[in-house]
C-alpha atoms as a PDB file:
ATOM      1  CA  UNK A   1      -2.435  -8.465 -36.907  1.00  0.00           C
ATOM      2  CA  UNK A   2      -3.232 -11.854 -36.545  1.00  0.00           C
ATOM      3  CA  UNK A   3      -0.543 -12.718 -33.721  1.00  0.00           C
ATOM      4  CA  UNK A   4      -1.564  -9.744 -31.853  1.00  0.00           C
ATOM      5  CA  UNK A   5      -5.121 -10.645 -31.871  1.00  0.00           C
ATOM      6  CA  UNK A   6      -3.829 -14.465 -31.022  1.00  0.00           C
ATOM      7  CA  UNK A   7      -2.212 -13.140 -28.003  1.00  0.00           C
ATOM      8  CA  UNK A   8      -4.983 -11.113 -26.702  1.00  0.00           C
ATOM      9  CA  UNK A   9      -7.369 -14.287 -26.916  1.00  0.00           C
ATOM     10  CA  UNK A  10      -4.710 -16.346 -25.223  1.00  0.00           C
ATOM     11  CA  UNK A  11      -4.145 -13.869 -22.638  1.00  0.00           C
ATOM     12  CA  UNK A  12      -7.877 -13.467 -21.824  1.00  0.00           C
ATOM     13  CA  UNK A  13      -8.960 -17.234 -22.103  1.00  0.00           C
ATOM     14  CA  UNK A  14      -7.015 -17.940 -18.830  1.00  0.00           C
ATOM     15  CA  UNK A  15      -9.207 -15.582 -16.626  1.00  0.00           C
ATOM     16  CA  UNK A  16     -12.705 -15.528 -18.132  1.00  0.00           C
ATOM     17  CA  UNK A  17     -15.696 -17.678 -18.054  1.00  0.00           C
ATOM     18  CA  UNK A  18     -16.020 -16.940 -21.774  1.00  0.00           C
ATOM     19  CA  UNK A  19     -13.984 -17.867 -24.776  1.00  0.00           C
ATOM     20  CA  UNK A  20     -13.372 -15.041 -27.046  1.00  0.00           C
ATOM     21  CA  UNK A  21     -13.641 -16.286 -30.969  1.00  0.00           C
ATOM     22  CA  UNK A  22     -12.280 -14.188 -34.344  1.00  0.00           C
ATOM     23  CA  UNK A  23     -14.920 -13.209 -36.559  1.00  0.00           C
ATOM     24  CA  UNK A  24     -12.361 -11.727 -38.655  1.00  0.00           C
ATOM     25  CA  UNK A  25     -10.816  -8.677 -39.833  1.00  0.00           C
ATOM     26  CA  UNK A  26     -12.644  -5.475 -41.083  1.00  0.00           C
ATOM     27  CA  UNK A  27     -11.557  -1.845 -42.844  1.00  0.00           C
ATOM     28  CA  UNK A  28      -7.792  -2.780 -43.236  1.00  0.00           C
ATOM     29  CA  UNK A  29      -5.755  -0.543 -44.942  1.00  0.00           C
ATOM     30  CA  UNK A  30      -2.117  -0.288 -46.097  1.00  0.00           C
ATOM     31  CA  UNK A  31      -1.134   3.113 -45.619  1.00  0.00           C
ATOM     32  CA  UNK A  32       2.744   2.766 -46.413  1.00  0.00           C
ATOM     33  CA  UNK A  33       5.273   0.265 -47.724  1.00  0.00           C
ATOM     34  CA  UNK A  34       7.151  -2.342 -45.482  1.00  0.00           C
ATOM     35  CA  UNK A  35      10.610  -3.162 -46.540  1.00  0.00           C
ATOM     36  CA  UNK A  36      12.801  -5.993 -45.538  1.00  0.00           C
ATOM     37  CA  UNK A  37      14.734  -5.421 -42.812  1.00  0.00           C
ATOM     38  CA  UNK A  38      12.189  -2.828 -41.064  1.00  0.00           C
ATOM     39  CA  UNK A  39      10.906  -3.288 -37.447  1.00  0.00           C
ATOM     40  CA  UNK A  40       7.106  -3.076 -37.177  1.00  0.00           C
ATOM     41  CA  UNK A  41       5.318  -2.770 -33.919  1.00  0.00           C
ATOM     42  CA  UNK A  42       1.420  -3.777 -33.714  1.00  0.00           C
ATOM     43  CA  UNK A  43      -0.808  -1.991 -31.162  1.00  0.00           C
ATOM     44  CA  UNK A  44      -4.131  -3.437 -30.546  1.00  0.00           C
ATOM     45  CA  UNK A  45      -6.802  -1.636 -28.263  1.00  0.00           C
ATOM     46  CA  UNK A  46     -10.253  -2.760 -27.501  1.00  0.00           C
ATOM     47  CA  UNK A  47     -12.314  -0.195 -28.957  1.00  0.00           C
ATOM     48  CA  UNK A  48     -16.032  -1.132 -28.352  1.00  0.00           C
ATOM     49  CA  UNK A  49     -17.975  -4.124 -26.275  1.00  0.00           C
ATOM     50  CA  UNK A  50     -21.381  -4.845 -27.541  1.00  0.00           C
ATOM     51  CA  UNK A  51     -22.736  -6.761 -24.518  1.00  0.00           C
ATOM     52  CA  UNK A  52     -25.842  -7.735 -26.173  1.00  0.00           C
ATOM     53  CA  UNK A  53     -24.522  -9.101 -29.066  1.00  0.00           C
ATOM     54  CA  UNK A  54     -21.638 -10.648 -26.821  1.00  0.00           C
ATOM     55  CA  UNK A  55     -18.848  -8.686 -29.583  1.00  0.00           C
ATOM     56  CA  UNK A  56     -16.068  -6.648 -28.920  1.00  0.00           C
ATOM     57  CA  UNK A  57     -14.231  -4.673 -31.383  1.00  0.00           C
ATOM     58  CA  UNK A  58     -10.183  -4.294 -31.400  1.00  0.00           C
ATOM     59  CA  UNK A  59      -8.386  -1.357 -33.001  1.00  0.00           C
ATOM     60  CA  UNK A  60      -5.147  -2.324 -34.595  1.00  0.00           C
ATOM     61  CA  UNK A  61      -2.409   0.154 -35.656  1.00  0.00           C
ATOM     62  CA  UNK A  62       0.994  -0.704 -37.120  1.00  0.00           C
ATOM     63  CA  UNK A  63       3.960   1.454 -37.080  1.00  0.00           C
ATOM     64  CA  UNK A  64       7.599   0.973 -38.371  1.00  0.00           C
ATOM     65  CA  UNK A  65      10.697   1.690 -36.661  1.00  0.00           C
ATOM     66  CA  UNK A  66      10.269   5.197 -37.511  1.00  0.00           C
ATOM     67  CA  UNK A  67       6.868   5.775 -36.180  1.00  0.00           C
ATOM     68  CA  UNK A  68       5.018   5.757 -39.661  1.00  0.00           C
ATOM     69  CA  UNK A  69       1.875   4.392 -39.324  1.00  0.00           C
ATOM     70  CA  UNK A  70       1.982   1.772 -42.221  1.00  0.00           C
ATOM     71  CA  UNK A  71      -1.076  -0.233 -41.658  1.00  0.00           C
ATOM     72  CA  UNK A  72      -4.822  -0.177 -39.531  1.00  0.00           C
ATOM     73  CA  UNK A  73      -7.633  -2.559 -38.787  1.00  0.00           C
ATOM     74  CA  UNK A  74     -10.501  -3.468 -37.017  1.00  0.00           C
ATOM     75  CA  UNK A  75     -10.538  -6.927 -35.364  1.00  0.00           C
ATOM     76  CA  UNK A  76     -13.915  -8.474 -34.465  1.00  0.00           C
ATOM     77  CA  UNK A  77     -14.516 -10.938 -31.410  1.00  0.00           C
ATOM     78  CA  UNK A  78     -17.382 -12.867 -30.796  1.00  0.00           C
ATOM     79  CA  UNK A  79     -17.440 -14.033 -26.976  1.00  0.00           C
ATOM     80  CA  UNK A  80     -18.993 -17.811 -26.089  1.00  0.00           C
ATOM     81  CA  UNK A  81     -19.827 -18.848 -22.889  1.00  0.00           C
ATOM     82  CA  UNK A  82     -17.570 -21.855 -21.509  1.00  0.00           C
ATOM     83  CA  UNK A  83     -19.108 -25.212 -20.933  1.00  0.00           C
ATOM     84  CA  UNK A  84     -18.427 -26.986 -17.809  1.00  0.00           C
END
Protein backbone atom coordinates (compact mmCIF):
# COMPACT_ATOMS: atom_id res chain seq x y z
CA UNK A 1 0.00 0.00 0.00
CA UNK A 2 2.79 2.37 0.90
CA UNK A 3 4.67 1.81 -2.34
CA UNK A 4 1.55 2.35 -4.45
CA UNK A 5 0.75 5.60 -2.69
CA UNK A 6 4.37 6.78 -3.02
CA UNK A 7 4.24 6.13 -6.78
CA UNK A 8 0.98 8.09 -7.05
CA UNK A 9 2.58 11.01 -5.18
CA UNK A 10 5.76 10.90 -7.29
CA UNK A 11 3.77 10.90 -10.54
CA UNK A 12 1.51 13.75 -9.38
CA UNK A 13 4.29 16.03 -8.12
CA UNK A 14 5.83 16.41 -11.56
CA UNK A 15 2.68 17.92 -13.05
CA UNK A 16 0.97 19.93 -10.31
CA UNK A 17 1.17 23.28 -8.57
CA UNK A 18 0.58 21.41 -5.32
CA UNK A 19 2.36 18.62 -3.50
CA UNK A 20 0.33 15.77 -2.02
CA UNK A 21 1.39 14.80 1.51
CA UNK A 22 0.30 11.51 3.02
CA UNK A 23 -1.87 11.88 6.11
CA UNK A 24 -1.98 8.13 6.59
CA UNK A 25 -4.18 5.11 6.08
CA UNK A 26 -7.64 4.30 7.38
CA UNK A 27 -9.90 1.24 7.45
CA UNK A 28 -7.16 -1.24 6.59
CA UNK A 29 -8.56 -4.77 6.53
CA UNK A 30 -6.66 -8.00 5.95
CA UNK A 31 -9.19 -10.35 4.37
CA UNK A 32 -7.14 -13.42 3.45
CA UNK A 33 -3.63 -14.73 4.10
CA UNK A 34 -0.68 -14.03 1.81
CA UNK A 35 1.96 -16.75 1.61
CA UNK A 36 5.63 -16.75 0.58
CA UNK A 37 5.74 -17.12 -3.18
CA UNK A 38 2.38 -15.41 -3.75
CA UNK A 39 2.19 -12.64 -6.32
CA UNK A 40 0.14 -9.67 -5.20
CA UNK A 41 -1.29 -6.83 -7.24
CA UNK A 42 -2.08 -3.45 -5.70
CA UNK A 43 -4.80 -1.26 -7.19
CA UNK A 44 -4.99 2.42 -6.21
CA UNK A 45 -7.97 4.55 -7.24
CA UNK A 46 -8.75 8.13 -6.21
CA UNK A 47 -12.26 7.80 -4.82
CA UNK A 48 -13.00 11.27 -3.44
CA UNK A 49 -11.72 14.82 -3.66
CA UNK A 50 -12.60 17.45 -1.06
CA UNK A 51 -11.54 20.75 -2.64
CA UNK A 52 -12.44 22.87 0.41
CA UNK A 53 -10.35 20.73 2.78
CA UNK A 54 -7.65 20.20 0.11
CA UNK A 55 -7.77 16.44 0.64
CA UNK A 56 -8.20 13.40 -1.54
CA UNK A 57 -8.96 9.81 -0.64
CA UNK A 58 -7.63 6.75 -2.43
CA UNK A 59 -9.13 3.27 -2.27
CA UNK A 60 -6.52 0.52 -2.18
CA UNK A 61 -7.35 -3.09 -3.14
CA UNK A 62 -4.81 -5.91 -3.04
CA UNK A 63 -5.38 -9.23 -4.77
CA UNK A 64 -3.27 -12.37 -5.04
CA UNK A 65 -2.41 -14.35 -8.17
CA UNK A 66 -5.79 -16.14 -8.02
CA UNK A 67 -7.71 -12.86 -7.96
CA UNK A 68 -8.63 -13.28 -4.28
CA UNK A 69 -9.02 -9.97 -2.47
CA UNK A 70 -6.51 -10.16 0.41
CA UNK A 71 -6.49 -6.60 1.78
CA UNK A 72 -8.23 -3.24 1.41
CA UNK A 73 -7.59 0.22 2.80
CA UNK A 74 -8.08 3.94 2.38
CA UNK A 75 -5.24 6.41 1.86
CA UNK A 76 -5.68 10.09 2.74
CA UNK A 77 -3.69 12.83 1.03
CA UNK A 78 -3.45 16.52 1.96
CA UNK A 79 -2.64 18.88 -0.94
CA UNK A 80 -0.21 21.68 -0.09
CA UNK A 81 0.52 24.57 -2.46
CA UNK A 82 4.10 24.63 -3.77
CA UNK A 83 6.20 27.68 -2.98
CA UNK A 84 8.33 29.42 -5.58
